[in-house]
Amino acid sequence: MRLGYAYALGCALLLGAADPASAGGCKAGDAGLAGHYYLRGVMEVGSELLLRKDGSFEFMLAYGANDQYGKGCWVKKGSTVEVIPAGRSSASTHHTPDDSSFSGLVLSISGRSLVWDINGSGHKGRFER
């Protein structure tokens, strides 16, 4: 029933359900990057990323029987966006859809999209609004 959880989470993200406490300790993000993103270009992977103006985020990913969820803070650093899960001081540069939990993302800004170079492998997906 894990897919049901991912579906419910996706619906909550789609509807913009906000957790009032989600920004706890986050600094306001770049308003131009805030928004609801959907992953494109990665076969068999569904993922959404919600970047809020208050600097908080929510993330979900479904890949086969593997579901991931995370929330925390995001920051723009030069031409990248770091998505840092609560309880961590930095985002992983090696996160993949196969990982058992969400360890964060470092995404490259490309126009209105955020590019995920998955584990530096050259396989890239785009989070698009």
N, C-alpha and C. Protein backbone atom coordinates (compact mmCIF):
# COMPACT_ATOMS: atom_id res chain seq x y z
N MET A 1 0.81 -1.19 0.00
CA MET A 1 0.00 0.00 0.00
C MET A 1 0.86 1.25 0.00
N ARG A 2 2.15 1.11 -0.17
CA ARG A 2 3.04 2.27 -0.19
C ARG A 2 2.70 3.23 -1.31
N LEU A 3 2.26 2.71 -2.46
CA LEU A 3 1.90 3.57 -3.57
C LEU A 3 0.74 4.48 -3.17
N GLY A 4 -0.19 3.96 -2.36
CA GLY A 4 -1.29 4.77 -1.88
C GLY A 4 -0.79 5.96 -1.07
N TYR A 5 0.22 5.75 -0.26
CA TYR A 5 0.82 6.83 0.53
C TYR A 5 1.43 7.87 -0.40
N ALA A 6 2.18 7.41 -1.40
CA ALA A 6 2.81 8.34 -2.34
C ALA A 6 1.75 9.13 -3.10
N TYR A 7 0.66 8.46 -3.49
CA TYR A 7 -0.42 9.13 -4.20
C TYR A 7 -1.05 10.20 -3.31
N ALA A 8 -1.34 9.85 -2.05
CA ALA A 8 -1.94 10.80 -1.13
C ALA A 8 -1.02 12.00 -0.90
N LEU A 9 0.26 11.73 -0.77
CA LEU A 9 1.22 12.81 -0.57
C LEU A 9 1.27 13.69 -1.81
N GLY A 10 1.29 13.07 -2.97
CA GLY A 10 1.30 13.84 -4.21
C GLY A 10 0.08 14.73 -4.32
N CYS A 11 -1.08 14.21 -3.94
CA CYS A 11 -2.30 15.02 -3.96
C CYS A 11 -2.19 16.19 -2.99
N ALA A 12 -1.63 15.94 -1.82
CA ALA A 12 -1.47 17.02 -0.83
C ALA A 12 -0.54 18.10 -1.38
N LEU A 13 0.55 17.69 -2.04
CA LEU A 13 1.45 18.66 -2.63
C LEU A 13 0.75 19.41 -3.76
N LEU A 14 0.01 18.68 -4.58
CA LEU A 14 -0.68 19.28 -5.71
C LEU A 14 -1.66 20.34 -5.25
N LEU A 15 -2.34 20.08 -4.15
CA LEU A 15 -3.31 21.02 -3.64
C LEU A 15 -2.67 22.12 -2.80
N GLY A 16 -1.36 22.03 -2.61
CA GLY A 16 -0.66 23.07 -1.87
C GLY A 16 -0.89 23.03 -0.39
N ALA A 17 -1.20 21.87 0.15
CA ALA A 17 -1.40 21.75 1.58
C ALA A 17 -0.15 22.21 2.30
N ALA A 18 -0.30 23.13 3.19
CA ALA A 18 0.86 23.69 3.87
C ALA A 18 0.89 23.25 5.32
N ASP A 19 2.06 22.95 5.78
CA ASP A 19 2.29 22.64 7.18
C ASP A 19 2.78 23.93 7.81
N PRO A 20 1.99 24.58 8.68
CA PRO A 20 2.37 25.87 9.23
C PRO A 20 3.71 25.84 9.95
N ALA A 21 4.11 24.69 10.45
CA ALA A 21 5.36 24.61 11.20
C ALA A 21 6.53 24.23 10.31
N SER A 22 6.29 24.06 9.01
CA SER A 22 7.34 23.53 8.13
C SER A 22 8.52 24.46 7.97
N ALA A 23 8.33 25.74 8.16
CA ALA A 23 9.42 26.69 7.94
C ALA A 23 10.33 26.84 9.14
N GLY A 24 10.05 26.16 10.22
CA GLY A 24 10.82 26.31 11.45
C GLY A 24 12.32 26.45 11.23
N GLY A 25 12.83 27.65 11.33
CA GLY A 25 14.25 27.89 11.21
C GLY A 25 14.74 28.15 9.80
N CYS A 26 13.87 28.13 8.80
CA CYS A 26 14.30 28.39 7.42
C CYS A 26 14.37 29.89 7.16
N LYS A 27 15.31 30.29 6.32
CA LYS A 27 15.38 31.68 5.88
C LYS A 27 14.61 31.80 4.57
N ALA A 28 13.96 32.93 4.37
CA ALA A 28 13.17 33.13 3.16
C ALA A 28 13.99 32.79 1.93
N GLY A 29 13.34 32.09 0.98
CA GLY A 29 14.00 31.69 -0.25
C GLY A 29 13.85 32.73 -1.34
N ASP A 30 14.50 32.51 -2.46
CA ASP A 30 14.39 33.36 -3.64
C ASP A 30 12.97 33.22 -4.19
N ALA A 31 12.19 34.27 -4.13
CA ALA A 31 10.78 34.21 -4.53
C ALA A 31 10.62 33.78 -5.99
N GLY A 32 11.59 34.08 -6.83
CA GLY A 32 11.52 33.70 -8.24
C GLY A 32 11.64 32.21 -8.46
N LEU A 33 12.19 31.48 -7.49
CA LEU A 33 12.34 30.03 -7.60
C LEU A 33 11.24 29.26 -6.89
N ALA A 34 10.53 29.94 -6.00
CA ALA A 34 9.46 29.27 -5.26
C ALA A 34 8.40 28.77 -6.23
N GLY A 35 7.87 27.58 -5.93
CA GLY A 35 6.82 27.04 -6.76
C GLY A 35 6.72 25.53 -6.63
N HIS A 36 5.82 24.96 -7.41
CA HIS A 36 5.55 23.52 -7.40
C HIS A 36 6.17 22.92 -8.66
N TYR A 37 7.10 22.00 -8.48
CA TYR A 37 7.85 21.39 -9.57
C TYR A 37 7.52 19.91 -9.70
N TYR A 38 7.55 19.42 -10.94
CA TYR A 38 7.31 18.01 -11.26
C TYR A 38 8.52 17.48 -12.01
N LEU A 39 8.98 16.30 -11.66
CA LEU A 39 10.15 15.71 -12.31
C LEU A 39 9.78 15.18 -13.69
N ARG A 40 10.60 15.51 -14.68
CA ARG A 40 10.45 15.03 -16.06
C ARG A 40 11.77 14.42 -16.50
N GLY A 41 11.68 13.40 -17.36
CA GLY A 41 12.87 12.87 -18.00
C GLY A 41 13.55 11.72 -17.29
N VAL A 42 12.96 11.19 -16.23
CA VAL A 42 13.54 10.05 -15.52
C VAL A 42 12.51 8.92 -15.59
N MET A 43 12.83 7.91 -16.37
CA MET A 43 11.87 6.81 -16.58
C MET A 43 11.48 6.13 -15.27
N GLU A 44 10.21 5.84 -15.15
CA GLU A 44 9.64 5.07 -14.04
C GLU A 44 9.73 5.77 -12.68
N VAL A 45 10.04 7.06 -12.68
CA VAL A 45 10.14 7.81 -11.42
C VAL A 45 9.14 8.95 -11.45
N GLY A 46 8.34 9.04 -10.40
CA GLY A 46 7.45 10.18 -10.21
C GLY A 46 7.94 10.97 -9.03
N SER A 47 8.04 12.28 -9.19
CA SER A 47 8.54 13.09 -8.09
C SER A 47 7.98 14.50 -8.19
N GLU A 48 7.74 15.09 -7.03
CA GLU A 48 7.30 16.48 -6.93
C GLU A 48 8.14 17.18 -5.88
N LEU A 49 8.34 18.47 -6.10
CA LEU A 49 9.10 19.31 -5.18
C LEU A 49 8.35 20.62 -5.03
N LEU A 50 8.02 20.97 -3.81
CA LEU A 50 7.35 22.22 -3.51
C LEU A 50 8.33 23.12 -2.76
N LEU A 51 8.76 24.21 -3.39
CA LEU A 51 9.63 25.20 -2.76
C LEU A 51 8.76 26.38 -2.35
N ARG A 52 8.71 26.64 -1.06
CA ARG A 52 7.90 27.75 -0.55
C ARG A 52 8.75 29.01 -0.42
N LYS A 53 8.09 30.17 -0.52
CA LYS A 53 8.78 31.45 -0.40
C LYS A 53 9.44 31.62 0.96
N ASP A 54 8.91 30.94 1.98
CA ASP A 54 9.47 31.09 3.33
C ASP A 54 10.76 30.28 3.51
N GLY A 55 11.21 29.60 2.44
CA GLY A 55 12.45 28.83 2.51
C GLY A 55 12.26 27.38 2.89
N SER A 56 11.03 26.95 3.10
CA SER A 56 10.77 25.55 3.42
C SER A 56 10.43 24.79 2.14
N PHE A 57 10.49 23.45 2.21
CA PHE A 57 10.14 22.64 1.06
C PHE A 57 9.46 21.36 1.51
N GLU A 58 8.79 20.70 0.56
CA GLU A 58 8.32 19.33 0.70
C GLU A 58 8.70 18.60 -0.58
N PHE A 59 9.09 17.33 -0.43
CA PHE A 59 9.56 16.51 -1.54
C PHE A 59 8.93 15.14 -1.44
N MET A 60 8.55 14.58 -2.59
CA MET A 60 8.12 13.19 -2.63
C MET A 60 8.65 12.57 -3.90
N LEU A 61 8.94 11.26 -3.82
CA LEU A 61 9.43 10.51 -4.96
C LEU A 61 8.88 9.09 -4.85
N ALA A 62 8.41 8.56 -5.98
CA ALA A 62 7.94 7.18 -6.03
C ALA A 62 8.67 6.49 -7.18
N TYR A 63 9.34 5.37 -6.85
CA TYR A 63 10.08 4.59 -7.84
C TYR A 63 9.84 3.12 -7.52
N GLY A 64 8.97 2.48 -8.29
CA GLY A 64 8.61 1.10 -7.98
C GLY A 64 8.00 1.04 -6.59
N ALA A 65 8.52 0.17 -5.76
CA ALA A 65 8.04 0.03 -4.39
C ALA A 65 8.75 0.97 -3.42
N ASN A 66 9.64 1.81 -3.93
CA ASN A 66 10.43 2.72 -3.08
C ASN A 66 9.81 4.11 -3.08
N ASP A 67 9.34 4.56 -1.92
CA ASP A 67 8.80 5.89 -1.76
C ASP A 67 9.73 6.70 -0.85
N GLN A 68 9.90 7.96 -1.20
CA GLN A 68 10.70 8.87 -0.38
C GLN A 68 9.89 10.12 -0.09
N TYR A 69 10.10 10.68 1.07
CA TYR A 69 9.45 11.93 1.46
C TYR A 69 10.43 12.72 2.31
N GLY A 70 10.40 14.02 2.14
CA GLY A 70 11.24 14.87 2.98
C GLY A 70 10.70 16.28 3.04
N LYS A 71 11.06 16.97 4.10
CA LYS A 71 10.77 18.38 4.22
C LYS A 71 11.89 19.01 5.02
N GLY A 72 12.06 20.29 4.85
CA GLY A 72 13.14 21.01 5.52
C GLY A 72 13.28 22.39 4.89
N CYS A 73 14.51 22.81 4.65
CA CYS A 73 14.79 24.14 4.11
C CYS A 73 15.53 24.04 2.78
N TRP A 74 15.33 25.04 1.94
CA TRP A 74 16.06 25.12 0.68
C TRP A 74 16.75 26.48 0.58
N VAL A 75 17.89 26.49 -0.09
CA VAL A 75 18.64 27.74 -0.28
C VAL A 75 19.20 27.80 -1.69
N LYS A 76 19.26 29.00 -2.23
CA LYS A 76 19.91 29.23 -3.52
C LYS A 76 21.36 29.58 -3.22
N LYS A 77 22.28 28.88 -3.90
CA LYS A 77 23.71 29.15 -3.77
C LYS A 77 24.28 29.28 -5.17
N GLY A 78 24.48 30.51 -5.62
CA GLY A 78 24.97 30.74 -6.98
C GLY A 78 23.97 30.22 -8.00
N SER A 79 24.39 29.26 -8.82
CA SER A 79 23.51 28.71 -9.86
C SER A 79 22.89 27.38 -9.44
N THR A 80 22.87 27.11 -8.13
CA THR A 80 22.27 25.87 -7.65
C THR A 80 21.24 26.15 -6.56
N VAL A 81 20.39 25.16 -6.36
CA VAL A 81 19.44 25.16 -5.25
C VAL A 81 19.76 23.92 -4.42
N GLU A 82 19.98 24.12 -3.13
CA GLU A 82 20.21 23.00 -2.22
C GLU A 82 18.93 22.76 -1.43
N VAL A 83 18.46 21.52 -1.48
CA VAL A 83 17.25 21.09 -0.79
C VAL A 83 17.72 20.23 0.39
N ILE A 84 17.64 20.79 1.58
CA ILE A 84 18.26 20.19 2.76
C ILE A 84 17.18 19.67 3.72
N PRO A 85 17.11 18.35 3.89
CA PRO A 85 16.10 17.78 4.79
C PRO A 85 16.31 18.21 6.25
N ALA A 86 15.22 18.30 6.98
CA ALA A 86 15.27 18.61 8.40
C ALA A 86 16.22 17.64 9.10
N GLY A 87 17.04 18.15 9.99
CA GLY A 87 17.97 17.30 10.73
C GLY A 87 19.33 17.15 10.07
N ARG A 88 19.49 17.69 8.86
CA ARG A 88 20.79 17.63 8.17
C ARG A 88 21.32 19.04 8.01
N SER A 89 22.65 19.15 7.91
CA SER A 89 23.25 20.47 7.73
C SER A 89 23.57 20.77 6.26
N SER A 90 23.49 19.75 5.41
CA SER A 90 23.74 19.94 3.98
C SER A 90 22.96 18.91 3.17
N ALA A 91 22.86 19.18 1.89
CA ALA A 91 22.16 18.26 0.98
C ALA A 91 23.16 17.29 0.38
N SER A 92 22.70 16.09 0.12
CA SER A 92 23.54 15.08 -0.52
C SER A 92 23.72 15.40 -1.99
N THR A 93 24.92 15.21 -2.49
CA THR A 93 25.16 15.34 -3.94
C THR A 93 25.06 13.99 -4.61
N HIS A 94 24.78 12.94 -3.85
CA HIS A 94 24.76 11.57 -4.39
C HIS A 94 23.40 10.89 -4.25
N HIS A 95 22.35 11.65 -3.99
CA HIS A 95 21.03 11.05 -3.79
C HIS A 95 20.52 10.44 -5.10
N THR A 96 19.86 9.27 -5.01
CA THR A 96 19.28 8.61 -6.17
C THR A 96 17.86 8.12 -5.84
N PRO A 97 17.07 7.79 -6.86
CA PRO A 97 15.75 7.22 -6.60
C PRO A 97 15.80 5.88 -5.88
N ASP A 98 16.93 5.19 -5.94
CA ASP A 98 17.09 3.89 -5.27
C ASP A 98 17.31 4.01 -3.76
N ASP A 99 17.71 5.19 -3.27
CA ASP A 99 18.00 5.35 -1.85
C ASP A 99 16.77 5.06 -1.01
N SER A 100 16.99 4.52 0.19
CA SER A 100 15.87 4.14 1.06
C SER A 100 15.25 5.33 1.77
N SER A 101 15.95 6.45 1.84
CA SER A 101 15.40 7.65 2.47
C SER A 101 15.89 8.88 1.71
N PHE A 102 15.29 10.01 2.00
CA PHE A 102 15.64 11.25 1.30
C PHE A 102 16.77 11.95 2.03
N SER A 103 17.88 12.18 1.31
CA SER A 103 19.04 12.82 1.91
C SER A 103 19.33 14.19 1.31
N GLY A 104 18.41 14.71 0.51
CA GLY A 104 18.57 16.04 -0.05
C GLY A 104 19.02 16.02 -1.49
N LEU A 105 18.94 17.20 -2.12
CA LEU A 105 19.30 17.35 -3.53
C LEU A 105 20.10 18.62 -3.73
N VAL A 106 21.00 18.58 -4.70
CA VAL A 106 21.64 19.78 -5.20
C VAL A 106 21.23 19.86 -6.67
N LEU A 107 20.49 20.91 -7.00
CA LEU A 107 19.91 21.07 -8.33
C LEU A 107 20.49 22.29 -9.02
N SER A 108 20.76 22.20 -10.31
CA SER A 108 21.27 23.32 -11.10
C SER A 108 20.11 24.11 -11.67
N ILE A 109 20.19 25.42 -11.58
CA ILE A 109 19.14 26.27 -12.12
C ILE A 109 19.35 26.39 -13.63
N SER A 110 18.27 26.12 -14.38
CA SER A 110 18.31 26.21 -15.84
C SER A 110 17.01 26.86 -16.30
N GLY A 111 17.03 28.17 -16.46
CA GLY A 111 15.80 28.89 -16.79
C GLY A 111 14.79 28.75 -15.67
N ARG A 112 13.59 28.25 -16.01
CA ARG A 112 12.54 28.04 -15.00
C ARG A 112 12.55 26.63 -14.45
N SER A 113 13.56 25.85 -14.81
CA SER A 113 13.66 24.46 -14.36
C SER A 113 14.84 24.27 -13.42
N LEU A 114 14.79 23.17 -12.68
CA LEU A 114 15.88 22.77 -11.80
C LEU A 114 16.35 21.40 -12.27
N VAL A 115 17.64 21.28 -12.61
CA VAL A 115 18.18 20.05 -13.19
C VAL A 115 18.83 19.20 -12.11
N TRP A 116 18.46 17.94 -12.08
CA TRP A 116 19.00 16.96 -11.14
C TRP A 116 19.94 16.03 -11.91
N ASP A 117 21.24 16.17 -11.69
CA ASP A 117 22.24 15.24 -12.25
C ASP A 117 22.35 14.12 -11.23
N ILE A 118 21.68 13.02 -11.51
CA ILE A 118 21.50 11.96 -10.52
C ILE A 118 22.84 11.30 -10.18
N ASN A 119 23.30 11.56 -8.97
CA ASN A 119 24.54 10.99 -8.44
C ASN A 119 25.74 11.30 -9.33
N GLY A 120 25.68 12.40 -10.07
CA GLY A 120 26.79 12.78 -10.94
C GLY A 120 27.00 11.80 -12.08
N SER A 121 25.96 11.00 -12.40
CA SER A 121 26.08 9.93 -13.39
C SER A 121 25.93 10.42 -14.82
N GLY A 122 25.48 11.64 -15.00
CA GLY A 122 25.17 12.12 -16.33
C GLY A 122 23.71 11.88 -16.70
N HIS A 123 23.01 11.03 -15.94
CA HIS A 123 21.56 10.85 -16.13
C HIS A 123 20.88 12.02 -15.44
N LYS A 124 20.15 12.81 -16.23
CA LYS A 124 19.56 14.03 -15.68
C LYS A 124 18.06 14.04 -15.82
N GLY A 125 17.44 14.60 -14.81
CA GLY A 125 16.01 14.88 -14.83
C GLY A 125 15.81 16.36 -14.59
N ARG A 126 14.65 16.86 -14.98
CA ARG A 126 14.35 18.26 -14.81
C ARG A 126 13.11 18.41 -13.95
N PHE A 127 13.22 19.18 -12.88
CA PHE A 127 12.05 19.57 -12.13
C PHE A 127 11.51 20.83 -12.81
N GLU A 128 10.31 20.71 -13.36
CA GLU A 128 9.70 21.81 -14.11
C GLU A 128 8.41 22.25 -13.43
N ARG A 129 8.11 23.56 -13.55
CA ARG A 129 6.86 24.09 -12.99
C ARG A 129 5.74 23.91 -13.98
